[in-house]
Amino acid sequence: MTAVFSVLSFFMAFGAIWLTSEALRRIDTRNDAMVKPHLRKIYAAVDKNEETLLALKRRMDQVEKQVHTLKLRADLPPEIEQETAVIRSGLNNQERFSPSIRLNG
C-alpha cells in the first residue's frame, strides 16, 4: 500500500512540476509580448544616444587637433622672437666690428 502511495505521490509531484513550468512559460510569453514594444523604444533611444556620442567624439577629436595646432602656433612666436633677438645681437656685433686690415680690391 505504501508503495502505491509513494508511486502515486511521485507522479503527482512530477505533474505539479510540469503544470508549473507550463504556467510559467505562458506567463513569460505574455509578458514578453507586453514588454517588447517598450524594449524597442529603449533600444532605439540607446542607439540614437550612441550615434550622438560617436558624432560628438569625432567632433571633439577634430577640435582637439585644432587646439593642438593653435597651441603650436601660439608657442611658435616666442621661439621666433628669441631667434630674431640672437640674430639682431649678431648683426649689432657685426656693425661694431671694424677690421684691423683694409683690403683694397
PDB file of N, CA and C in Angstrom:
ATOM      1  N   MET A   1       0.818  -1.194   0.000  1.00  0.00           N
ATOM      2  CA  MET A   1       0.000   0.000   0.000  1.00  0.00           C
ATOM      3  C   MET A   1       0.860   1.256   0.000  1.00  0.00           C
ATOM      4  N   THR A   2       1.917   1.250   0.804  1.00  0.00           N
ATOM      5  CA  THR A   2       2.793   2.410   0.844  1.00  0.00           C
ATOM      6  C   THR A   2       3.529   2.589  -0.478  1.00  0.00           C
ATOM      7  N   ALA A   3       3.809   1.462  -1.138  1.00  0.00           N
ATOM      8  CA  ALA A   3       4.479   1.536  -2.432  1.00  0.00           C
ATOM      9  C   ALA A   3       3.570   2.206  -3.452  1.00  0.00           C
ATOM     10  N   VAL A   4       2.283   1.921  -3.403  1.00  0.00           N
ATOM     11  CA  VAL A   4       1.331   2.532  -4.331  1.00  0.00           C
ATOM     12  C   VAL A   4       1.219   4.026  -4.051  1.00  0.00           C
ATOM     13  N   PHE A   5       1.130   4.389  -2.759  1.00  0.00           N
ATOM     14  CA  PHE A   5       1.043   5.805  -2.412  1.00  0.00           C
ATOM     15  C   PHE A   5       2.323   6.566  -2.811  1.00  0.00           C
ATOM     16  N   SER A   6       3.460   5.907  -2.629  1.00  0.00           N
ATOM     17  CA  SER A   6       4.709   6.587  -2.969  1.00  0.00           C
ATOM     18  C   SER A   6       4.828   6.789  -4.483  1.00  0.00           C
ATOM     19  N   VAL A   7       4.415   5.779  -5.281  1.00  0.00           N
ATOM     20  CA  VAL A   7       4.452   5.924  -6.734  1.00  0.00           C
ATOM     21  C   VAL A   7       3.458   6.992  -7.171  1.00  0.00           C
ATOM     22  N   LEU A   8       2.257   6.971  -6.567  1.00  0.00           N
ATOM     23  CA  LEU A   8       1.234   7.963  -6.894  1.00  0.00           C
ATOM     24  C   LEU A   8       1.707   9.377  -6.530  1.00  0.00           C
ATOM     25  N   SER A   9       2.334   9.557  -5.373  1.00  0.00           N
ATOM     26  CA  SER A   9       2.833  10.873  -4.975  1.00  0.00           C
ATOM     27  C   SER A   9       3.999  11.306  -5.874  1.00  0.00           C
ATOM     28  N   PHE A  10       4.786  10.338  -6.316  1.00  0.00           N
ATOM     29  CA  PHE A  10       5.879  10.633  -7.230  1.00  0.00           C
ATOM     30  C   PHE A  10       5.330  11.205  -8.540  1.00  0.00           C
ATOM     31  N   PHE A  11       4.295  10.573  -9.116  1.00  0.00           N
ATOM     32  CA  PHE A  11       3.683  11.075 -10.349  1.00  0.00           C
ATOM     33  C   PHE A  11       2.987  12.414 -10.131  1.00  0.00           C
ATOM     34  N   MET A  12       2.380  12.590  -8.971  1.00  0.00           N
ATOM     35  CA  MET A  12       1.718  13.863  -8.673  1.00  0.00           C
ATOM     36  C   MET A  12       2.754  14.997  -8.580  1.00  0.00           C
ATOM     37  N   ALA A  13       3.923  14.711  -8.009  1.00  0.00           N
ATOM     38  CA  ALA A  13       4.962  15.729  -7.879  1.00  0.00           C
ATOM     39  C   ALA A  13       5.474  16.129  -9.265  1.00  0.00           C
ATOM     40  N   PHE A  14       5.714  15.146 -10.116  1.00  0.00           N
ATOM     41  CA  PHE A  14       6.164  15.479 -11.462  1.00  0.00           C
ATOM     42  C   PHE A  14       5.076  16.183 -12.257  1.00  0.00           C
ATOM     43  N   GLY A  15       3.822  15.813 -12.022  1.00  0.00           N
ATOM     44  CA  GLY A  15       2.709  16.510 -12.672  1.00  0.00           C
ATOM     45  C   GLY A  15       2.635  17.960 -12.221  1.00  0.00           C
ATOM     46  N   ALA A  16       2.862  18.215 -10.946  1.00  0.00           N
ATOM     47  CA  ALA A  16       2.836  19.578 -10.423  1.00  0.00           C
ATOM     48  C   ALA A  16       3.989  20.393 -11.020  1.00  0.00           C
ATOM     49  N   ILE A  17       5.142  19.788 -11.132  1.00  0.00           N
ATOM     50  CA  ILE A  17       6.288  20.484 -11.740  1.00  0.00           C
ATOM     51  C   ILE A  17       5.985  20.804 -13.195  1.00  0.00           C
ATOM     52  N   TRP A  18       5.400  19.856 -13.913  1.00  0.00           N
ATOM     53  CA  TRP A  18       5.087  20.072 -15.325  1.00  0.00           C
ATOM     54  C   TRP A  18       4.047  21.190 -15.483  1.00  0.00           C
ATOM     55  N   LEU A  19       2.986  21.153 -14.658  1.00  0.00           N
ATOM     56  CA  LEU A  19       1.956  22.199 -14.731  1.00  0.00           C
ATOM     57  C   LEU A  19       2.540  23.575 -14.388  1.00  0.00           C
ATOM     58  N   THR A  20       3.401  23.620 -13.406  1.00  0.00           N
ATOM     59  CA  THR A  20       4.019  24.888 -13.028  1.00  0.00           C
ATOM     60  C   THR A  20       4.898  25.424 -14.155  1.00  0.00           C
ATOM     61  N   SER A  21       5.673  24.548 -14.781  1.00  0.00           N
ATOM     62  CA  SER A  21       6.530  25.006 -15.876  1.00  0.00           C
ATOM     63  C   SER A  21       5.703  25.500 -17.064  1.00  0.00           C
ATOM     64  N   GLU A  22       4.586  24.846 -17.355  1.00  0.00           N
ATOM     65  CA  GLU A  22       3.702  25.308 -18.435  1.00  0.00           C
ATOM     66  C   GLU A  22       3.095  26.671 -18.106  1.00  0.00           C
ATOM     67  N   ALA A  23       2.677  26.833 -16.866  1.00  0.00           N
ATOM     68  CA  ALA A  23       2.091  28.114 -16.458  1.00  0.00           C
ATOM     69  C   ALA A  23       3.135  29.229 -16.549  1.00  0.00           C
ATOM     70  N   LEU A  24       4.337  28.962 -16.107  1.00  0.00           N
ATOM     71  CA  LEU A  24       5.392  29.974 -16.187  1.00  0.00           C
ATOM     72  C   LEU A  24       5.750  30.302 -17.629  1.00  0.00           C
ATOM     73  N   ARG A  25       5.759  29.302 -18.509  1.00  0.00           N
ATOM     74  CA  ARG A  25       6.061  29.566 -19.913  1.00  0.00           C
ATOM     75  C   ARG A  25       4.996  30.460 -20.535  1.00  0.00           C
ATOM     76  N   ARG A  26       3.745  30.214 -20.220  1.00  0.00           N
ATOM     77  CA  ARG A  26       2.662  31.053 -20.748  1.00  0.00           C
ATOM     78  C   ARG A  26       2.760  32.483 -20.220  1.00  0.00           C
ATOM     79  N   ILE A  27       3.072  32.600 -18.961  1.00  0.00           N
ATOM     80  CA  ILE A  27       3.210  33.940 -18.375  1.00  0.00           C
ATOM     81  C   ILE A  27       4.380  34.675 -19.015  1.00  0.00           C
ATOM     82  N   ASP A  28       5.497  33.961 -19.213  1.00  0.00           N
ATOM     83  CA  ASP A  28       6.662  34.593 -19.830  1.00  0.00           C
ATOM     84  C   ASP A  28       6.373  35.056 -21.245  1.00  0.00           C
ATOM     85  N   THR A  29       5.692  34.242 -22.038  1.00  0.00           N
ATOM     86  CA  THR A  29       5.399  34.654 -23.412  1.00  0.00           C
ATOM     87  C   THR A  29       4.449  35.850 -23.431  1.00  0.00           C
ATOM     88  N   ARG A  30       3.491  35.872 -22.528  1.00  0.00           N
ATOM     89  CA  ARG A  30       2.576  37.008 -22.474  1.00  0.00           C
ATOM     90  C   ARG A  30       3.306  38.275 -22.020  1.00  0.00           C
ATOM     91  N   ASN A  31       4.194  38.132 -21.038  1.00  0.00           N
ATOM     92  CA  ASN A  31       4.961  39.295 -20.569  1.00  0.00           C
ATOM     93  C   ASN A  31       5.925  39.784 -21.638  1.00  0.00           C
ATOM     94  N   ASP A  32       6.530  38.856 -22.362  1.00  0.00           N
ATOM     95  CA  ASP A  32       7.431  39.269 -23.437  1.00  0.00           C
ATOM     96  C   ASP A  32       6.683  40.071 -24.488  1.00  0.00           C
ATOM     97  N   ALA A  33       5.479  39.640 -24.816  1.00  0.00           N
ATOM     98  CA  ALA A  33       4.683  40.371 -25.807  1.00  0.00           C
ATOM     99  C   ALA A  33       4.336  41.767 -25.299  1.00  0.00           C
ATOM    100  N   MET A  34       4.172  41.912 -24.001  1.00  0.00           N
ATOM    101  CA  MET A  34       3.842  43.223 -23.443  1.00  0.00           C
ATOM    102  C   MET A  34       5.084  44.105 -23.317  1.00  0.00           C
ATOM    103  N   VAL A  35       6.233  43.497 -23.091  1.00  0.00           N
ATOM    104  CA  VAL A  35       7.445  44.260 -22.829  1.00  0.00           C
ATOM    105  C   VAL A  35       8.188  44.625 -24.111  1.00  0.00           C
ATOM    106  N   LYS A  36       8.078  43.811 -25.154  1.00  0.00           N
ATOM    107  CA  LYS A  36       8.865  44.038 -26.372  1.00  0.00           C
ATOM    108  C   LYS A  36       8.654  45.418 -26.989  1.00  0.00           C
ATOM    109  N   PRO A  37       7.449  45.947 -27.084  1.00  0.00           N
ATOM    110  CA  PRO A  37       7.330  47.309 -27.645  1.00  0.00           C
ATOM    111  C   PRO A  37       8.089  48.355 -26.829  1.00  0.00           C
ATOM    112  N   HIS A  38       8.072  48.209 -25.525  1.00  0.00           N
ATOM    113  CA  HIS A  38       8.799  49.150 -24.675  1.00  0.00           C
ATOM    114  C   HIS A  38      10.309  48.981 -24.853  1.00  0.00           C
ATOM    115  N   LEU A  39      10.739  47.727 -24.982  1.00  0.00           N
ATOM    116  CA  LEU A  39      12.162  47.485 -25.177  1.00  0.00           C
ATOM    117  C   LEU A  39      12.645  48.039 -26.509  1.00  0.00           C
ATOM    118  N   ARG A  40      11.804  47.958 -27.550  1.00  0.00           N
ATOM    119  CA  ARG A  40      12.182  48.517 -28.849  1.00  0.00           C
ATOM    120  C   ARG A  40      12.426  50.017 -28.733  1.00  0.00           C
ATOM    121  N   LYS A  41      11.550  50.699 -27.998  1.00  0.00           N
ATOM    122  CA  LYS A  41      11.728  52.144 -27.806  1.00  0.00           C
ATOM    123  C   LYS A  41      13.023  52.437 -27.049  1.00  0.00           C
ATOM    124  N   ILE A  42      13.290  51.640 -26.034  1.00  0.00           N
ATOM    125  CA  ILE A  42      14.502  51.844 -25.244  1.00  0.00           C
ATOM    126  C   ILE A  42      15.735  51.575 -26.096  1.00  0.00           C
ATOM    127  N   TYR A  43      15.709  50.481 -26.862  1.00  0.00           N
ATOM    128  CA  TYR A  43      16.841  50.169 -27.739  1.00  0.00           C
ATOM    129  C   TYR A  43      17.048  51.270 -28.775  1.00  0.00           C
ATOM    130  N   ALA A  44      15.970  51.812 -29.326  1.00  0.00           N
ATOM    131  CA  ALA A  44      16.083  52.898 -30.305  1.00  0.00           C
ATOM    132  C   ALA A  44      16.710  54.137 -29.657  1.00  0.00           C
ATOM    133  N   ALA A  45      16.281  54.446 -28.433  1.00  0.00           N
ATOM    134  CA  ALA A  45      16.851  55.603 -27.729  1.00  0.00           C
ATOM    135  C   ALA A  45      18.332  55.380 -27.427  1.00  0.00           C
ATOM    136  N   VAL A  46      18.694  54.171 -27.033  1.00  0.00           N
ATOM    137  CA  VAL A  46      20.100  53.862 -26.739  1.00  0.00           C
ATOM    138  C   VAL A  46      20.931  53.966 -28.014  1.00  0.00           C
ATOM    139  N   ASP A  47      20.414  53.441 -29.124  1.00  0.00           N
ATOM    140  CA  ASP A  47      21.142  53.532 -30.396  1.00  0.00           C
ATOM    141  C   ASP A  47      21.326  54.985 -30.825  1.00  0.00           C
ATOM    142  N   LYS A  48      20.275  55.789 -30.659  1.00  0.00           N
ATOM    143  CA  LYS A  48      20.366  57.203 -31.017  1.00  0.00           C
ATOM    144  C   LYS A  48      21.409  57.916 -30.149  1.00  0.00           C
ATOM    145  N   ASN A  49      21.412  57.622 -28.854  1.00  0.00           N
ATOM    146  CA  ASN A  49      22.398  58.228 -27.954  1.00  0.00           C
ATOM    147  C   ASN A  49      23.813  57.785 -28.310  1.00  0.00           C
ATOM    148  N   GLU A  50      23.960  56.527 -28.694  1.00  0.00           N
ATOM    149  CA  GLU A  50      25.278  56.028 -29.071  1.00  0.00           C
ATOM    150  C   GLU A  50      25.787  56.725 -30.336  1.00  0.00           C
ATOM    151  N   GLU A  51      24.901  56.911 -31.320  1.00  0.00           N
ATOM    152  CA  GLU A  51      25.291  57.622 -32.537  1.00  0.00           C
ATOM    153  C   GLU A  51      25.675  59.067 -32.226  1.00  0.00           C
ATOM    154  N   THR A  52      24.892  59.702 -31.347  1.00  0.00           N
ATOM    155  CA  THR A  52      25.198  61.075 -30.962  1.00  0.00           C
ATOM    156  C   THR A  52      26.550  61.153 -30.259  1.00  0.00           C
ATOM    157  N   LEU A  53      26.816  60.200 -29.366  1.00  0.00           N
ATOM    158  CA  LEU A  53      28.092  60.189 -28.659  1.00  0.00           C
ATOM    159  C   LEU A  53      29.258  59.967 -29.619  1.00  0.00           C
ATOM    160  N   LEU A  54      29.084  59.086 -30.597  1.00  0.00           N
ATOM    161  CA  LEU A  54      30.149  58.864 -31.569  1.00  0.00           C
ATOM    162  C   LEU A  54      30.409  60.111 -32.400  1.00  0.00           C
ATOM    163  N   ALA A  55      29.329  60.795 -32.805  1.00  0.00           N
ATOM    164  CA  ALA A  55      29.491  62.038 -33.566  1.00  0.00           C
ATOM    165  C   ALA A  55      30.189  63.099 -32.717  1.00  0.00           C
ATOM    166  N   LEU A  56      29.809  63.195 -31.458  1.00  0.00           N
ATOM    167  CA  LEU A  56      30.448  64.165 -30.563  1.00  0.00           C
ATOM    168  C   LEU A  56      31.914  63.814 -30.326  1.00  0.00           C
ATOM    169  N   LYS A  57      32.222  62.524 -30.230  1.00  0.00           N
ATOM    170  CA  LYS A  57      33.606  62.115 -30.040  1.00  0.00           C
ATOM    171  C   LYS A  57      34.436  62.470 -31.270  1.00  0.00           C
ATOM    172  N   ARG A  58      33.897  62.232 -32.468  1.00  0.00           N
ATOM    173  CA  ARG A  58      34.619  62.602 -33.678  1.00  0.00           C
ATOM    174  C   ARG A  58      34.860  64.113 -33.720  1.00  0.00           C
ATOM    175  N   ARG A  59      33.835  64.880 -33.380  1.00  0.00           N
ATOM    176  CA  ARG A  59      33.961  66.343 -33.381  1.00  0.00           C
ATOM    177  C   ARG A  59      34.976  66.799 -32.331  1.00  0.00           C
ATOM    178  N   MET A  60      34.955  66.149 -31.156  1.00  0.00           N
ATOM    179  CA  MET A  60      35.895  66.500 -30.101  1.00  0.00           C
ATOM    180  C   MET A  60      37.326  66.205 -30.548  1.00  0.00           C
ATOM    181  N   ASP A  61      37.547  65.102 -31.255  1.00  0.00           N
ATOM    182  CA  ASP A  61      38.877  64.797 -31.768  1.00  0.00           C
ATOM    183  C   ASP A  61      39.334  65.872 -32.747  1.00  0.00           C
ATOM    184  N   GLN A  62      38.435  66.328 -33.618  1.00  0.00           N
ATOM    185  CA  GLN A  62      38.778  67.392 -34.557  1.00  0.00           C
ATOM    186  C   GLN A  62      39.130  68.679 -33.819  1.00  0.00           C
ATOM    187  N   VAL A  63      38.336  69.025 -32.818  1.00  0.00           N
ATOM    188  CA  VAL A  63      38.590  70.251 -32.056  1.00  0.00           C
ATOM    189  C   VAL A  63      39.912  70.141 -31.303  1.00  0.00           C
ATOM    190  N   GLU A  64      40.210  68.956 -30.753  1.00  0.00           N
ATOM    191  CA  GLU A  64      41.485  68.774 -30.060  1.00  0.00           C
ATOM    192  C   GLU A  64      42.653  68.966 -31.008  1.00  0.00           C
ATOM    193  N   LYS A  65      42.533  68.460 -32.237  1.00  0.00           N
ATOM    194  CA  LYS A  65      43.598  68.662 -33.222  1.00  0.00           C
ATOM    195  C   LYS A  65      43.760  70.144 -33.538  1.00  0.00           C
ATOM    196  N   GLN A  66      42.640  70.865 -33.677  1.00  0.00           N
ATOM    197  CA  GLN A  66      42.706  72.292 -33.960  1.00  0.00           C
ATOM    198  C   GLN A  66      43.332  73.048 -32.792  1.00  0.00           C
ATOM    199  N   VAL A  67      42.953  72.685 -31.575  1.00  0.00           N
ATOM    200  CA  VAL A  67      43.520  73.343 -30.394  1.00  0.00           C
ATOM    201  C   VAL A  67      45.013  73.059 -30.315  1.00  0.00           C
ATOM    202  N   HIS A  68      45.398  71.826 -30.614  1.00  0.00           N
ATOM    203  CA  HIS A  68      46.818  71.481 -30.593  1.00  0.00           C
ATOM    204  C   HIS A  68      47.585  72.317 -31.619  1.00  0.00           C
ATOM    205  N   THR A  69      46.995  72.474 -32.805  1.00  0.00           N
ATOM    206  CA  THR A  69      47.627  73.302 -33.832  1.00  0.00           C
ATOM    207  C   THR A  69      47.733  74.748 -33.371  1.00  0.00           C
ATOM    208  N   LEU A  70      46.674  75.253 -32.760  1.00  0.00           N
ATOM    209  CA  LEU A  70      46.711  76.632 -32.259  1.00  0.00           C
ATOM    210  C   LEU A  70      47.748  76.802 -31.157  1.00  0.00           C
ATOM    211  N   LYS A  71      47.881  75.804 -30.303  1.00  0.00           N
ATOM    212  CA  LYS A  71      48.896  75.877 -29.255  1.00  0.00           C
ATOM    213  C   LYS A  71      50.285  75.895 -29.863  1.00  0.00           C
ATOM    214  N   LEU A  72      50.474  75.084 -30.904  1.00  0.00           N
ATOM    215  CA  LEU A  72      51.778  75.106 -31.565  1.00  0.00           C
ATOM    216  C   LEU A  72      52.056  76.469 -32.169  1.00  0.00           C
ATOM    217  N   ARG A  73      51.043  77.067 -32.777  1.00  0.00           N
ATOM    218  CA  ARG A  73      51.218  78.400 -33.366  1.00  0.00           C
ATOM    219  C   ARG A  73      51.448  79.440 -32.279  1.00  0.00           C
ATOM    220  N   ALA A  74      50.781  79.281 -31.135  1.00  0.00           N
ATOM    221  CA  ALA A  74      50.960  80.234 -30.038  1.00  0.00           C
ATOM    222  C   ALA A  74      52.338  80.077 -29.423  1.00  0.00           C
ATOM    223  N   ASP A  75      52.861  78.858 -29.403  1.00  0.00           N
ATOM    224  CA  ASP A  75      54.185  78.627 -28.849  1.00  0.00           C
ATOM    225  C   ASP A  75      55.279  79.058 -29.815  1.00  0.00           C
ATOM    226  N   LEU A  76      54.978  79.143 -31.075  1.00  0.00           N
ATOM    227  CA  LEU A  76      55.976  79.461 -32.083  1.00  0.00           C
ATOM    228  C   LEU A  76      56.514  80.892 -31.992  1.00  0.00           C
ATOM    229  N   PRO A  77      55.695  81.932 -31.818  1.00  0.00           N
ATOM    230  CA  PRO A  77      56.238  83.302 -31.786  1.00  0.00           C
ATOM    231  C   PRO A  77      57.290  83.556 -30.724  1.00  0.00           C
ATOM    232  N   PRO A  78      57.177  83.074 -29.497  1.00  0.00           N
ATOM    233  CA  PRO A  78      58.281  83.321 -28.549  1.00  0.00           C
ATOM    234  C   PRO A  78      59.592  82.714 -29.032  1.00  0.00           C
ATOM    235  N   GLU A  79      59.526  81.573 -29.667  1.00  0.00           N
ATOM    236  CA  GLU A  79      60.750  80.967 -30.192  1.00  0.00           C
ATOM    237  C   GLU A  79      61.317  81.821 -31.321  1.00  0.00           C
ATOM    238  N   ILE A  80      60.439  82.319 -32.166  1.00  0.00           N
ATOM    239  CA  ILE A  80      60.882  83.189 -33.257  1.00  0.00           C
ATOM    240  C   ILE A  80      61.478  84.470 -32.693  1.00  0.00           C
ATOM    241  N   GLU A  81      60.854  85.017 -31.650  1.00  0.00           N
ATOM    242  CA  GLU A  81      61.387  86.229 -31.034  1.00  0.00           C
ATOM    243  C   GLU A  81      62.772  85.985 -30.458  1.00  0.00           C
ATOM    244  N   GLN A  82      62.986  84.828 -29.856  1.00  0.00           N
ATOM    245  CA  GLN A  82      64.302  84.515 -29.318  1.00  0.00           C
ATOM    246  C   GLN A  82      65.326  84.391 -30.443  1.00  0.00           C
ATOM    247  N   GLU A  83      64.937  83.735 -31.518  1.00  0.00           N
ATOM    248  CA  GLU A  83      65.860  83.587 -32.647  1.00  0.00           C
ATOM    249  C   GLU A  83      66.184  84.949 -33.272  1.00  0.00           C
ATOM    250  N   THR A  84      65.168  85.787 -33.427  1.00  0.00           N
ATOM    251  CA  THR A  84      65.428  87.114 -34.006  1.00  0.00           C
ATOM    252  C   THR A  84      66.280  87.962 -33.072  1.00  0.00           C
ATOM    253  N   ALA A  85      66.119  87.806 -31.759  1.00  0.00           N
ATOM    254  CA  ALA A  85      66.966  88.546 -30.814  1.00  0.00           C
ATOM    255  C   ALA A  85      68.416  88.121 -30.963  1.00  0.00           C
ATOM    256  N   VAL A  86      68.644  86.838 -31.144  1.00  0.00           N
ATOM    257  CA  VAL A  86      70.014  86.342 -31.335  1.00  0.00           C
ATOM    258  C   VAL A  86      70.583  86.897 -32.632  1.00  0.00           C
ATOM    259  N   ILE A  87      69.768  86.877 -33.693  1.00  0.00           N
ATOM    260  CA  ILE A  87      70.235  87.403 -34.987  1.00  0.00           C
ATOM    261  C   ILE A  87      70.521  88.895 -34.880  1.00  0.00           C
ATOM    262  N   ARG A  88      69.655  89.642 -34.190  1.00  0.00           N
ATOM    263  CA  ARG A  88      69.878  91.081 -34.025  1.00  0.00           C
ATOM    264  C   ARG A  88      71.159  91.362 -33.257  1.00  0.00           C
ATOM    265  N   SER A  89      71.381  90.593 -32.209  1.00  0.00           N
ATOM    266  CA  SER A  89      72.618  90.811 -31.452  1.00  0.00           C
ATOM    267  C   SER A  89      73.833  90.491 -32.316  1.00  0.00           C
ATOM    268  N   GLY A  90      73.710  89.477 -33.153  1.00  0.00           N
ATOM    269  CA  GLY A  90      74.800  89.153 -34.071  1.00  0.00           C
ATOM    270  C   GLY A  90      75.018  90.272 -35.069  1.00  0.00           C
ATOM    271  N   LEU A  91      73.917  90.856 -35.578  1.00  0.00           N
ATOM    272  CA  LEU A  91      74.039  91.977 -36.509  1.00  0.00           C
ATOM    273  C   LEU A  91      74.644  93.194 -35.817  1.00  0.00           C
ATOM    274  N   ASN A  92      74.249  93.452 -34.600  1.00  0.00           N
ATOM    275  CA  ASN A  92      74.826  94.575 -33.856  1.00  0.00           C
ATOM    276  C   ASN A  92      76.322  94.371 -33.657  1.00  0.00           C
ATOM    277  N   ASN A  93      76.726  93.157 -33.379  1.00  0.00           N
ATOM    278  CA  ASN A  93      78.153  92.874 -33.239  1.00  0.00           C
ATOM    279  C   ASN A  93      78.873  93.089 -34.564  1.00  0.00           C
ATOM    280  N   GLN A  94      78.239  92.756 -35.664  1.00  0.00           N
ATOM    281  CA  GLN A  94      78.851  92.949 -36.984  1.00  0.00           C
ATOM    282  C   GLN A  94      78.999  94.434 -37.299  1.00  0.00           C
ATOM    283  N   GLU A  95      78.003  95.230 -36.895  1.00  0.00           N
ATOM    284  CA  GLU A  95      78.083  96.666 -37.159  1.00  0.00           C
ATOM    285  C   GLU A  95      79.210  97.298 -36.357  1.00  0.00           C
ATOM    286  N   ARG A  96      79.452  96.836 -35.169  1.00  0.00           N
ATOM    287  CA  ARG A  96      80.517  97.378 -34.325  1.00  0.00           C
ATOM    288  C   ARG A  96      81.895  96.853 -34.711  1.00  0.00           C
ATOM    289  N   PHE A  97      81.886  95.782 -35.482  1.00  0.00           N
ATOM    290  CA  PHE A  97      83.165  95.194 -35.865  1.00  0.00           C
ATOM    291  C   PHE A  97      83.848  96.069 -36.917  1.00  0.00           C
ATOM    292  N   SER A  98      85.075  96.380 -36.674  1.00  0.00           N
ATOM    293  CA  SER A  98      85.857  97.131 -37.680  1.00  0.00           C
ATOM    294  C   SER A  98      87.128  96.316 -37.941  1.00  0.00           C
ATOM    295  N   PRO A  99      87.361  95.982 -39.166  1.00  0.00           N
ATOM    296  CA  PRO A  99      88.527  95.160 -39.456  1.00  0.00           C
ATOM    297  C   PRO A  99      89.812  95.940 -39.199  1.00  0.00           C
ATOM    298  N   SER A 100      90.805  95.245 -38.789  1.00  0.00           N
ATOM    299  CA  SER A 100      92.080  95.886 -38.497  1.00  0.00           C
ATOM    300  C   SER A 100      92.898  96.110 -39.781  1.00  0.00           C
ATOM    301  N   ILE A 101      92.626  95.357 -40.793  1.00  0.00           N
ATOM    302  CA  ILE A 101      93.342  95.498 -42.059  1.00  0.00           C
ATOM    303  C   ILE A 101      92.319  95.833 -43.124  1.00  0.00           C
ATOM    304  N   ARG A 102      92.619  96.836 -43.910  1.00  0.00           N
ATOM    305  CA  ARG A 102      91.726  97.186 -45.004  1.00  0.00           C
ATOM    306  C   ARG A 102      92.270  96.534 -46.270  1.00  0.00           C
ATOM    307  N   LEU A 103      91.350  95.900 -46.952  1.00  0.00           N
ATOM    308  CA  LEU A 103      91.742  95.253 -48.195  1.00  0.00           C
ATOM    309  C   LEU A 103      91.175  96.062 -49.341  1.00  0.00           C
ATOM    310  N   ASN A 104      91.980  96.417 -50.228  1.00  0.00           N
ATOM    311  CA  ASN A 104      91.510  97.128 -51.418  1.00  0.00           C
ATOM    312  C   ASN A 104      91.479  96.153 -52.574  1.00  0.00           C
ATOM    313  N   GLY A 105      90.389  96.194 -53.278  1.00  0.00           N
ATOM    314  CA  GLY A 105      90.245  95.226 -54.338  1.00  0.00           C
ATOM    315  C   GLY A 105      90.561  95.704 -55.675  1.00  0.00           C
TER     316      GLY A 105
END
